Amino acid sequence: MCRDAIIEPEFLSKGVAGDDERFLFAGLPNEAMDFANEAALQQWAKAAVAPRLQAGDVLLLDGDLGAGKTSLTKGLAAGLGIAGPIKSPTFTIVREYTDGRLPLYHMDIYRLENGGAEDLGLEEYFEGDGVSVVEWPEFLGLSMPEDYLLIQLVKDEVDDNARHITVTGHGTRAETLAEAVTRS
């Protein structure tokens, strides 16, 4: 079952966060991994990542348009036993999928590039009973969780189908998860 979370429009018009509020991703990166295509990326997410996820895990997906963020989320959903289509929540901000082993909260916060994430109560998702997947995490501002798995996705410059990813754990739980998913 998928449910879109309704985000009030006034939250979409906040001012731009100052440079001092911008978040710089930190942590120790694990080895880069290469995938021939998005199907291989989805299979990795389904078989290597999803089985290791626990309630309260937060995955931040960083990459340009078309890098494979929603594709990776589809693999996670399949691995969690979530049936049905997984769509980007670009216009709804959050899509909730509750019919799997764990609820999946898929967020696309690109529309919050001018601020406002702090007013949405995202920490309720981050600290809740499911797994949160956030696209465009650079717009989280002060809502950035303390413990998260950062997955950076890049399209290959020569082969448009290939993807390169780097997984970085920030925080105790995420560092353990990063180690496990990059060694599988």
Protein backbone atom coordinates (compact mmCIF):
# COMPACT_ATOMS: atom_id res chain seq x y z
CA MET A 1 0.00 0.00 0.00
CA CYS A 2 1.35 3.41 -0.96
CA ARG A 3 0.24 6.62 0.67
CA ASP A 4 1.47 10.08 -0.25
CA ALA A 5 2.16 12.30 2.71
CA ILE A 6 0.58 15.69 2.19
CA ILE A 7 2.99 18.58 2.66
CA GLU A 8 1.42 22.00 3.00
CA PRO A 9 2.50 24.50 0.28
CA GLU A 10 3.65 27.14 2.79
CA PHE A 11 6.56 24.88 3.67
CA LEU A 12 7.79 25.12 0.09
CA SER A 13 8.44 28.85 0.17
CA LYS A 14 10.97 29.27 2.99
CA GLY A 15 14.11 31.31 2.44
CA VAL A 16 17.43 29.89 1.36
CA ALA A 17 19.54 28.48 4.20
CA GLY A 18 22.72 30.40 4.87
CA ASP A 19 26.11 28.89 4.08
CA ASP A 20 26.62 28.15 7.78
CA GLU A 21 23.54 25.88 7.69
CA ARG A 22 24.64 23.97 4.61
CA PHE A 23 25.60 20.42 5.38
CA LEU A 24 28.84 18.93 4.18
CA PHE A 25 28.63 15.15 3.90
CA ALA A 26 31.17 13.53 6.19
CA GLY A 27 32.28 10.04 7.05
CA LEU A 28 34.71 7.53 5.70
CA PRO A 29 33.81 6.35 2.20
CA ASN A 30 33.96 2.70 1.35
CA GLU A 31 35.15 1.46 -1.99
CA ALA A 32 33.37 2.61 -5.12
CA MET A 33 31.22 0.03 -6.86
CA ASP A 34 30.36 -0.16 -10.54
CA PHE A 35 27.14 -1.46 -12.08
CA ALA A 36 26.63 -2.23 -15.76
CA ASN A 37 23.07 -0.89 -15.71
CA GLU A 38 20.18 0.14 -13.45
CA ALA A 39 18.90 -3.45 -13.30
CA ALA A 40 22.20 -4.51 -11.70
CA LEU A 41 21.96 -1.56 -9.29
CA GLN A 42 18.42 -2.58 -8.34
CA GLN A 43 19.53 -6.19 -7.79
CA TRP A 44 22.31 -5.03 -5.45
CA ALA A 45 19.84 -2.88 -3.50
CA LYS A 46 17.39 -5.79 -3.29
CA ALA A 47 19.86 -8.54 -2.36
CA ALA A 48 22.67 -6.77 -0.49
CA VAL A 49 21.09 -3.72 1.14
CA ALA A 50 17.40 -4.37 1.86
CA PRO A 51 17.88 -7.57 3.93
CA ARG A 52 20.21 -5.67 6.28
CA LEU A 53 17.92 -2.71 6.88
CA GLN A 54 16.35 -2.05 10.27
CA ALA A 55 13.69 0.33 11.55
CA GLY A 56 15.18 3.81 11.85
CA ASP A 57 17.76 3.39 9.08
CA VAL A 58 18.15 6.48 6.90
CA LEU A 59 19.61 6.29 3.39
CA LEU A 60 20.55 9.52 1.65
CA LEU A 61 20.75 9.23 -2.14
CA ASP A 62 22.94 11.83 -3.79
CA GLY A 63 23.19 12.15 -7.55
CA ASP A 64 22.18 14.20 -10.56
CA LEU A 65 18.88 13.77 -12.39
CA GLY A 66 18.81 10.34 -14.00
CA ALA A 67 21.63 8.95 -11.85
CA GLY A 68 19.43 6.11 -10.56
CA LYS A 69 18.12 7.30 -7.19
CA THR A 70 14.53 6.15 -7.72
CA SER A 71 15.80 3.02 -9.46
CA LEU A 72 17.84 2.12 -6.39
CA THR A 73 14.76 2.76 -4.23
CA LYS A 74 12.79 0.31 -6.39
CA GLY A 75 15.38 -2.36 -5.58
CA LEU A 76 15.16 -1.58 -1.86
CA ALA A 77 11.37 -1.81 -1.99
CA ALA A 78 11.51 -5.19 -3.75
CA GLY A 79 13.96 -6.45 -1.14
CA LEU A 80 11.64 -5.31 1.64
CA GLY A 81 8.75 -7.20 0.03
CA ILE A 82 6.86 -4.11 -1.09
CA ALA A 83 4.65 -4.87 -4.06
CA GLY A 84 3.36 -2.42 -6.60
CA PRO A 85 4.92 0.48 -8.44
CA ILE A 86 7.48 2.72 -6.77
CA LYS A 87 7.26 6.26 -8.11
CA SER A 88 9.35 9.32 -7.40
CA PRO A 89 7.67 11.53 -4.80
CA THR A 90 8.79 14.71 -6.55
CA PHE A 91 5.48 16.52 -6.18
CA THR A 92 4.26 14.98 -2.92
CA ILE A 93 7.64 15.14 -1.10
CA VAL A 94 7.01 11.81 0.72
CA ARG A 95 5.55 8.49 -0.40
CA GLU A 96 4.85 5.91 2.28
CA TYR A 97 4.90 2.20 1.41
CA THR A 98 3.70 0.12 4.34
CA ASP A 99 3.12 -3.39 2.98
CA GLY A 100 6.64 -4.82 3.35
CA ARG A 101 8.85 -6.24 6.09
CA LEU A 102 9.44 -2.62 7.15
CA PRO A 103 7.65 0.54 6.05
CA LEU A 104 9.55 2.49 3.39
CA TYR A 105 9.39 6.28 3.45
CA HIS A 106 10.61 7.58 0.10
CA MET A 107 11.33 11.31 0.09
CA ASP A 108 12.30 13.64 -2.72
CA ILE A 109 13.07 17.01 -1.23
CA TYR A 110 14.33 18.74 -4.37
CA ARG A 111 11.43 21.19 -4.14
CA LEU A 112 12.81 22.33 -0.79
CA GLU A 113 16.01 23.74 -2.27
CA ASN A 114 15.02 27.15 -0.91
CA GLY A 115 14.55 25.80 2.62
CA GLY A 116 11.66 24.52 4.70
CA ALA A 117 12.74 20.94 5.45
CA GLU A 118 13.04 21.80 9.15
CA ASP A 119 9.30 22.54 9.29
CA LEU A 120 8.16 19.20 7.88
CA GLY A 121 8.82 16.97 10.88
CA LEU A 122 11.02 14.58 8.89
CA GLU A 123 12.66 13.40 12.12
CA GLU A 124 9.42 11.52 12.85
CA TYR A 125 10.18 9.40 9.78
CA PHE A 126 13.91 9.16 10.52
CA GLU A 127 13.29 7.96 14.08
CA GLY A 128 10.21 5.89 13.24
CA ASP A 129 9.35 2.29 12.54
CA GLY A 130 10.55 2.16 8.95
CA VAL A 131 13.38 2.93 6.56
CA SER A 132 13.72 6.46 5.19
CA VAL A 133 15.20 7.02 1.74
CA VAL A 134 15.91 10.67 0.90
CA GLU A 135 16.66 11.98 -2.58
CA TRP A 136 18.43 15.37 -2.79
CA PRO A 137 19.69 15.26 0.83
CA GLU A 138 21.67 18.46 0.45
CA PHE A 139 18.37 20.30 1.03
CA LEU A 140 17.75 18.74 4.46
CA GLY A 141 19.49 21.62 6.25
CA LEU A 142 19.02 21.34 10.00
CA SER A 143 16.85 18.22 9.53
CA MET A 144 19.91 16.12 8.67
CA PRO A 145 19.86 12.99 10.85
CA GLU A 146 22.93 12.10 12.92
CA ASP A 147 23.19 8.53 11.64
CA TYR A 148 22.77 7.87 7.91
CA LEU A 149 24.05 5.88 4.96
CA LEU A 150 25.06 8.15 2.10
CA ILE A 151 24.91 6.55 -1.35
CA GLN A 152 26.38 8.73 -4.07
CA LEU A 153 25.35 7.73 -7.60
CA VAL A 154 27.07 8.85 -10.79
CA LYS A 155 26.26 8.00 -14.41
CA ASP A 156 29.22 6.79 -16.41
CA GLU A 157 30.54 9.44 -18.80
CA VAL A 158 30.95 6.94 -21.67
CA ASP A 159 28.28 4.29 -21.09
CA ASP A 160 24.95 5.97 -20.32
CA ASN A 161 23.63 2.74 -18.76
CA ALA A 162 26.47 2.20 -16.29
CA ARG A 163 26.44 3.58 -12.74
CA HIS A 164 29.19 4.18 -10.21
CA ILE A 165 28.31 4.43 -6.54
CA THR A 166 30.13 5.20 -3.33
CA VAL A 167 28.65 4.22 0.03
CA THR A 168 29.58 6.16 3.16
CA GLY A 169 28.34 5.49 6.68
CA HIS A 170 27.97 8.37 9.10
CA GLY A 171 27.29 7.24 12.65
CA THR A 172 27.71 3.88 14.35
CA ARG A 173 24.78 2.02 12.78
CA ALA A 174 25.39 3.43 9.29
CA GLU A 175 29.11 2.63 9.37
CA THR A 176 28.28 -1.00 10.19
CA LEU A 177 25.69 -1.07 7.41
CA ALA A 178 28.11 0.51 4.91
CA GLU A 179 30.72 -2.11 5.67
CA ALA A 180 28.20 -4.94 5.23
CA VAL A 181 26.67 -3.75 1.94
CA THR A 182 29.96 -2.99 0.25
CA ARG A 183 31.45 -6.36 1.13
CA SER A 184 28.56 -8.45 -0.18
